[in-house]
Amino acid sequence: MQVCRDAARKKELRDQLTRVDARLSVLERRSWRKGVQLPADGRDTVCRLALEKMADALEEAAAAWVQAEATDGRKVLVGAMLEIGLRFGGVAQREGKLARYVRGPHAGLAVVAEFVVNGQDCLEMEDSPTLAALVGFARAIPSMEQLEGDGKAGDALLKTLGEFKQLLEDRAARTDTRFT
């Protein structure tokens, strides 16, 4: 943000940082109420930021896909943002902290990160809107709601994720049989 000269981009980066800090503060306040301090270590911070950047990149890929489809334009930005989203998902997974997230939006984003990293060979640019929808479901999970079993937002994410996974498996099966 310090070296960015574009005012609009600088504001966008500042807004992203504010959103990440707000989500972290909710977790920290909850832990303080219980009398347990959860100091944020460097790996946890990197993981959280990587999840947020993955989500932002996947949403940007979907927006670029919609615009390219509407104008019959080029899809270079879609591919680039999808790749960036996959790489940030990989960074979050490499930090080894994803299992820590069981509640709230970060739990949903952790599931999406594991999905995109494990299924990256089957993903195509046309899947960008579905990935953005998964991100939307993940971000809709209330901060104190568990991902599995507590409420509608987590259930919607897992249901959509299961359906999408089946679609990718079917696509992979068709591709494998076509070349044999």
C-alpha atoms as a PDB file:
ATOM      1  CA  MET A   1       0.000   0.000   0.000  1.00  0.00           C
ATOM      2  CA  GLN A   2       2.889   2.341   0.683  1.00  0.00           C
ATOM      3  CA  VAL A   3       4.323   2.197  -2.835  1.00  0.00           C
ATOM      4  CA  CYS A   4       1.015   2.063  -4.705  1.00  0.00           C
ATOM      5  CA  ARG A   5       0.358   5.329  -6.539  1.00  0.00           C
ATOM      6  CA  ASP A   6      -3.141   4.448  -7.775  1.00  0.00           C
ATOM      7  CA  ALA A   7      -5.594   5.857  -5.243  1.00  0.00           C
ATOM      8  CA  ALA A   8      -8.371   3.395  -6.098  1.00  0.00           C
ATOM      9  CA  ARG A   9      -6.071   0.378  -5.768  1.00  0.00           C
ATOM     10  CA  LYS A  10      -4.652   1.764  -2.510  1.00  0.00           C
ATOM     11  CA  LYS A  11      -8.179   2.090  -1.085  1.00  0.00           C
ATOM     12  CA  GLU A  12      -9.004  -1.462  -2.209  1.00  0.00           C
ATOM     13  CA  LEU A  13      -5.890  -2.843  -0.484  1.00  0.00           C
ATOM     14  CA  ARG A  14      -6.707  -0.888   2.674  1.00  0.00           C
ATOM     15  CA  ASP A  15     -10.279  -2.268   2.669  1.00  0.00           C
ATOM     16  CA  GLN A  16      -8.990  -5.840   2.308  1.00  0.00           C
ATOM     17  CA  LEU A  17      -6.596  -5.348   5.216  1.00  0.00           C
ATOM     18  CA  THR A  18      -9.388  -3.886   7.347  1.00  0.00           C
ATOM     19  CA  ARG A  19     -11.628  -6.899   6.616  1.00  0.00           C
ATOM     20  CA  VAL A  20      -8.887  -9.383   7.602  1.00  0.00           C
ATOM     21  CA  ASP A  21      -8.102  -7.458  10.789  1.00  0.00           C
ATOM     22  CA  ALA A  22     -11.790  -7.292  11.727  1.00  0.00           C
ATOM     23  CA  ARG A  23     -12.194 -11.055  11.392  1.00  0.00           C
ATOM     24  CA  LEU A  24      -9.061 -11.653  13.448  1.00  0.00           C
ATOM     25  CA  SER A  25     -10.233  -9.309  16.189  1.00  0.00           C
ATOM     26  CA  VAL A  26     -13.527 -11.219  16.537  1.00  0.00           C
ATOM     27  CA  LEU A  27     -11.599 -14.444  17.142  1.00  0.00           C
ATOM     28  CA  GLU A  28      -9.239 -12.794  19.609  1.00  0.00           C
ATOM     29  CA  ARG A  29     -12.068 -11.138  21.588  1.00  0.00           C
ATOM     30  CA  ARG A  30     -13.911 -14.456  21.832  1.00  0.00           C
ATOM     31  CA  SER A  31     -10.801 -16.173  23.161  1.00  0.00           C
ATOM     32  CA  TRP A  32     -10.203 -13.405  25.721  1.00  0.00           C
ATOM     33  CA  ARG A  33     -13.758 -13.784  27.038  1.00  0.00           C
ATOM     34  CA  LYS A  34     -13.015 -17.432  27.719  1.00  0.00           C
ATOM     35  CA  GLY A  35      -9.785 -16.473  29.475  1.00  0.00           C
ATOM     36  CA  VAL A  36      -7.558 -17.973  26.804  1.00  0.00           C
ATOM     37  CA  GLN A  37      -5.268 -15.852  24.746  1.00  0.00           C
ATOM     38  CA  LEU A  38      -4.567 -16.958  21.228  1.00  0.00           C
ATOM     39  CA  PRO A  39      -1.474 -15.132  20.147  1.00  0.00           C
ATOM     40  CA  ALA A  40      -1.328 -14.846  16.388  1.00  0.00           C
ATOM     41  CA  ASP A  41       1.884 -16.375  15.197  1.00  0.00           C
ATOM     42  CA  GLY A  42       3.396 -15.626  11.824  1.00  0.00           C
ATOM     43  CA  ARG A  43       2.172 -18.821  10.164  1.00  0.00           C
ATOM     44  CA  ASP A  44      -1.395 -18.214  11.309  1.00  0.00           C
ATOM     45  CA  THR A  45      -1.320 -14.693   9.930  1.00  0.00           C
ATOM     46  CA  VAL A  46       0.112 -15.881   6.616  1.00  0.00           C
ATOM     47  CA  CYS A  47      -2.563 -18.581   6.410  1.00  0.00           C
ATOM     48  CA  ARG A  48      -5.391 -16.142   7.096  1.00  0.00           C
ATOM     49  CA  LEU A  49      -4.094 -13.590   4.608  1.00  0.00           C
ATOM     50  CA  ALA A  50      -3.565 -16.304   1.977  1.00  0.00           C
ATOM     51  CA  LEU A  51      -7.165 -17.485   2.439  1.00  0.00           C
ATOM     52  CA  GLU A  52      -8.451 -13.945   1.972  1.00  0.00           C
ATOM     53  CA  LYS A  53      -6.301 -13.316  -1.089  1.00  0.00           C
ATOM     54  CA  MET A  54      -7.384 -16.689  -2.558  1.00  0.00           C
ATOM     55  CA  ALA A  55     -11.018 -15.707  -2.078  1.00  0.00           C
ATOM     56  CA  ASP A  56     -10.493 -12.262  -3.612  1.00  0.00           C
ATOM     57  CA  ALA A  57      -8.699 -13.743  -6.633  1.00  0.00           C
ATOM     58  CA  LEU A  58     -11.430 -16.327  -7.235  1.00  0.00           C
ATOM     59  CA  GLU A  59     -14.105 -13.623  -7.053  1.00  0.00           C
ATOM     60  CA  GLU A  60     -12.125 -11.461  -9.454  1.00  0.00           C
ATOM     61  CA  ALA A  61     -11.758 -14.405 -11.855  1.00  0.00           C
ATOM     62  CA  ALA A  62     -15.528 -14.887 -11.816  1.00  0.00           C
ATOM     63  CA  ALA A  63     -16.151 -11.198 -12.489  1.00  0.00           C
ATOM     64  CA  ALA A  64     -13.691 -11.284 -15.384  1.00  0.00           C
ATOM     65  CA  TRP A  65     -15.381 -14.436 -16.744  1.00  0.00           C
ATOM     66  CA  VAL A  66     -18.817 -12.797 -16.699  1.00  0.00           C
ATOM     67  CA  GLN A  67     -17.468  -9.686 -18.396  1.00  0.00           C
ATOM     68  CA  ALA A  68     -15.582 -11.693 -21.050  1.00  0.00           C
ATOM     69  CA  GLU A  69     -18.660 -13.802 -21.782  1.00  0.00           C
ATOM     70  CA  ALA A  70     -20.898 -10.741 -22.060  1.00  0.00           C
ATOM     71  CA  THR A  71     -18.582  -8.915 -24.451  1.00  0.00           C
ATOM     72  CA  ASP A  72     -17.148 -11.979 -26.224  1.00  0.00           C
ATOM     73  CA  GLY A  73     -13.780 -10.772 -24.995  1.00  0.00           C
ATOM     74  CA  ARG A  74     -10.507 -12.378 -24.087  1.00  0.00           C
ATOM     75  CA  LYS A  75     -10.228 -14.495 -20.966  1.00  0.00           C
ATOM     76  CA  VAL A  76      -6.599 -13.796 -20.059  1.00  0.00           C
ATOM     77  CA  LEU A  77      -7.520 -12.112 -16.775  1.00  0.00           C
ATOM     78  CA  VAL A  78      -9.766 -15.048 -15.846  1.00  0.00           C
ATOM     79  CA  GLY A  79      -6.912 -17.511 -16.214  1.00  0.00           C
ATOM     80  CA  ALA A  80      -4.466 -15.277 -14.384  1.00  0.00           C
ATOM     81  CA  MET A  81      -6.773 -14.661 -11.420  1.00  0.00           C
ATOM     82  CA  LEU A  82      -7.738 -18.331 -11.232  1.00  0.00           C
ATOM     83  CA  GLU A  83      -4.056 -19.259 -11.114  1.00  0.00           C
ATOM     84  CA  ILE A  84      -3.407 -16.655  -8.415  1.00  0.00           C
ATOM     85  CA  GLY A  85      -6.318 -18.020  -6.383  1.00  0.00           C
ATOM     86  CA  LEU A  86      -4.945 -21.555  -6.690  1.00  0.00           C
ATOM     87  CA  ARG A  87      -1.478 -20.436  -5.616  1.00  0.00           C
ATOM     88  CA  PHE A  88      -2.774 -18.564  -2.560  1.00  0.00           C
ATOM     89  CA  GLY A  89      -4.837 -21.634  -1.653  1.00  0.00           C
ATOM     90  CA  GLY A  90      -1.625 -23.653  -1.845  1.00  0.00           C
ATOM     91  CA  VAL A  91       0.168 -21.191   0.422  1.00  0.00           C
ATOM     92  CA  ALA A  92      -2.624 -21.451   2.994  1.00  0.00           C
ATOM     93  CA  GLN A  93      -2.487 -25.243   2.873  1.00  0.00           C
ATOM     94  CA  ARG A  94       1.309 -25.344   3.170  1.00  0.00           C
ATOM     95  CA  GLU A  95       1.212 -23.355   6.401  1.00  0.00           C
ATOM     96  CA  GLY A  96      -0.478 -26.348   8.059  1.00  0.00           C
ATOM     97  CA  LYS A  97      -3.026 -24.270   9.962  1.00  0.00           C
ATOM     98  CA  LEU A  98      -6.204 -25.028   7.991  1.00  0.00           C
ATOM     99  CA  ALA A  99      -7.364 -27.721  10.435  1.00  0.00           C
ATOM    100  CA  ARG A 100      -7.432 -25.029  13.148  1.00  0.00           C
ATOM    101  CA  TYR A 101     -10.364 -23.278  11.491  1.00  0.00           C
ATOM    102  CA  VAL A 102     -13.620 -24.977  12.479  1.00  0.00           C
ATOM    103  CA  ARG A 103     -15.900 -21.936  12.881  1.00  0.00           C
ATOM    104  CA  GLY A 104     -16.777 -18.937  10.839  1.00  0.00           C
ATOM    105  CA  PRO A 105     -15.759 -17.715   7.406  1.00  0.00           C
ATOM    106  CA  HIS A 106     -12.177 -18.901   7.699  1.00  0.00           C
ATOM    107  CA  ALA A 107     -13.380 -22.481   8.208  1.00  0.00           C
ATOM    108  CA  GLY A 108     -15.336 -22.222   4.968  1.00  0.00           C
ATOM    109  CA  LEU A 109     -12.430 -20.632   3.130  1.00  0.00           C
ATOM    110  CA  ALA A 110     -10.127 -23.380   4.451  1.00  0.00           C
ATOM    111  CA  VAL A 111     -12.424 -26.021   2.922  1.00  0.00           C
ATOM    112  CA  VAL A 112     -12.453 -24.125  -0.378  1.00  0.00           C
ATOM    113  CA  ALA A 113      -8.633 -23.853  -0.296  1.00  0.00           C
ATOM    114  CA  GLU A 114      -8.213 -27.583   0.210  1.00  0.00           C
ATOM    115  CA  PHE A 115     -10.718 -28.246  -2.571  1.00  0.00           C
ATOM    116  CA  VAL A 116      -9.065 -26.013  -5.161  1.00  0.00           C
ATOM    117  CA  VAL A 117      -5.575 -27.236  -4.341  1.00  0.00           C
ATOM    118  CA  ASN A 118      -6.569 -30.907  -4.539  1.00  0.00           C
ATOM    119  CA  GLY A 119      -8.727 -30.418  -7.643  1.00  0.00           C
ATOM    120  CA  GLN A 120      -6.627 -27.896  -9.518  1.00  0.00           C
ATOM    121  CA  ASP A 121      -5.919 -30.301 -12.375  1.00  0.00           C
ATOM    122  CA  CYS A 122      -9.651 -30.557 -13.151  1.00  0.00           C
ATOM    123  CA  LEU A 123     -10.572 -26.887 -12.784  1.00  0.00           C
ATOM    124  CA  GLU A 124     -11.199 -24.800 -15.877  1.00  0.00           C
ATOM    125  CA  MET A 125     -11.823 -21.113 -16.408  1.00  0.00           C
ATOM    126  CA  GLU A 126     -15.547 -21.731 -16.854  1.00  0.00           C
ATOM    127  CA  ASP A 127     -15.628 -22.940 -13.227  1.00  0.00           C
ATOM    128  CA  SER A 128     -14.774 -19.456 -11.930  1.00  0.00           C
ATOM    129  CA  PRO A 129     -18.387 -18.420 -11.176  1.00  0.00           C
ATOM    130  CA  THR A 130     -18.948 -21.619  -9.186  1.00  0.00           C
ATOM    131  CA  LEU A 131     -15.735 -21.059  -7.222  1.00  0.00           C
ATOM    132  CA  ALA A 132     -16.833 -17.490  -6.481  1.00  0.00           C
ATOM    133  CA  ALA A 133     -20.188 -18.840  -5.276  1.00  0.00           C
ATOM    134  CA  LEU A 134     -18.322 -21.189  -2.921  1.00  0.00           C
ATOM    135  CA  VAL A 135     -16.360 -18.225  -1.601  1.00  0.00           C
ATOM    136  CA  GLY A 136     -19.623 -16.360  -1.070  1.00  0.00           C
ATOM    137  CA  PHE A 137     -21.068 -19.272   0.909  1.00  0.00           C
ATOM    138  CA  ALA A 138     -17.869 -19.459   2.983  1.00  0.00           C
ATOM    139  CA  ARG A 139     -17.926 -15.754   3.775  1.00  0.00           C
ATOM    140  CA  ALA A 140     -21.593 -15.984   4.760  1.00  0.00           C
ATOM    141  CA  ILE A 141     -20.851 -18.345   7.657  1.00  0.00           C
ATOM    142  CA  PRO A 142     -21.327 -16.414  10.917  1.00  0.00           C
ATOM    143  CA  SER A 143     -18.173 -16.127  13.000  1.00  0.00           C
ATOM    144  CA  MET A 144     -19.400 -18.366  15.828  1.00  0.00           C
ATOM    145  CA  GLU A 145     -21.106 -20.987  13.655  1.00  0.00           C
ATOM    146  CA  GLN A 146     -19.342 -24.297  13.149  1.00  0.00           C
ATOM    147  CA  LEU A 147     -18.825 -25.321   9.577  1.00  0.00           C
ATOM    148  CA  GLU A 148     -20.479 -28.708   9.940  1.00  0.00           C
ATOM    149  CA  GLY A 149     -23.843 -29.148  11.591  1.00  0.00           C
ATOM    150  CA  ASP A 150     -24.541 -25.750  13.133  1.00  0.00           C
ATOM    151  CA  GLY A 151     -26.416 -23.867  10.493  1.00  0.00           C
ATOM    152  CA  LYS A 152     -27.580 -23.178   7.004  1.00  0.00           C
ATOM    153  CA  ALA A 153     -24.544 -21.302   5.689  1.00  0.00           C
ATOM    154  CA  GLY A 154     -22.081 -24.115   6.356  1.00  0.00           C
ATOM    155  CA  ASP A 155     -24.518 -26.716   5.063  1.00  0.00           C
ATOM    156  CA  ALA A 156     -25.048 -24.724   1.849  1.00  0.00           C
ATOM    157  CA  LEU A 157     -21.293 -24.529   1.311  1.00  0.00           C
ATOM    158  CA  LEU A 158     -20.752 -28.245   1.860  1.00  0.00           C
ATOM    159  CA  LYS A 159     -23.724 -29.205  -0.338  1.00  0.00           C
ATOM    160  CA  THR A 160     -22.577 -26.990  -3.212  1.00  0.00           C
ATOM    161  CA  LEU A 161     -19.017 -28.221  -2.786  1.00  0.00           C
ATOM    162  CA  GLY A 162     -20.170 -31.847  -2.992  1.00  0.00           C
ATOM    163  CA  GLU A 163     -22.162 -31.183  -6.157  1.00  0.00           C
ATOM    164  CA  PHE A 164     -19.236 -29.343  -7.742  1.00  0.00           C
ATOM    165  CA  LYS A 165     -16.849 -32.139  -6.798  1.00  0.00           C
ATOM    166  CA  GLN A 166     -19.163 -34.648  -8.503  1.00  0.00           C
ATOM    167  CA  LEU A 167     -19.233 -32.457 -11.621  1.00  0.00           C
ATOM    168  CA  LEU A 168     -15.429 -32.377 -11.720  1.00  0.00           C
ATOM    169  CA  GLU A 169     -15.222 -36.158 -11.220  1.00  0.00           C
ATOM    170  CA  ASP A 170     -17.656 -36.690 -14.097  1.00  0.00           C
ATOM    171  CA  ARG A 171     -15.625 -34.318 -16.279  1.00  0.00           C
ATOM    172  CA  ALA A 172     -12.411 -36.176 -15.423  1.00  0.00           C
ATOM    173  CA  ALA A 173     -14.039 -39.539 -16.197  1.00  0.00           C
ATOM    174  CA  ARG A 174     -15.224 -38.286 -19.616  1.00  0.00           C
ATOM    175  CA  THR A 175     -11.778 -36.923 -20.371  1.00  0.00           C
ATOM    176  CA  ASP A 176     -10.044 -40.180 -19.402  1.00  0.00           C
ATOM    177  CA  THR A 177     -12.303 -42.335 -21.588  1.00  0.00           C
ATOM    178  CA  ARG A 178     -12.085 -39.996 -24.571  1.00  0.00           C
ATOM    179  CA  PHE A 179      -8.324 -40.452 -24.923  1.00  0.00           C
ATOM    180  CA  THR A 180      -8.177 -44.256 -24.484  1.00  0.00           C
END
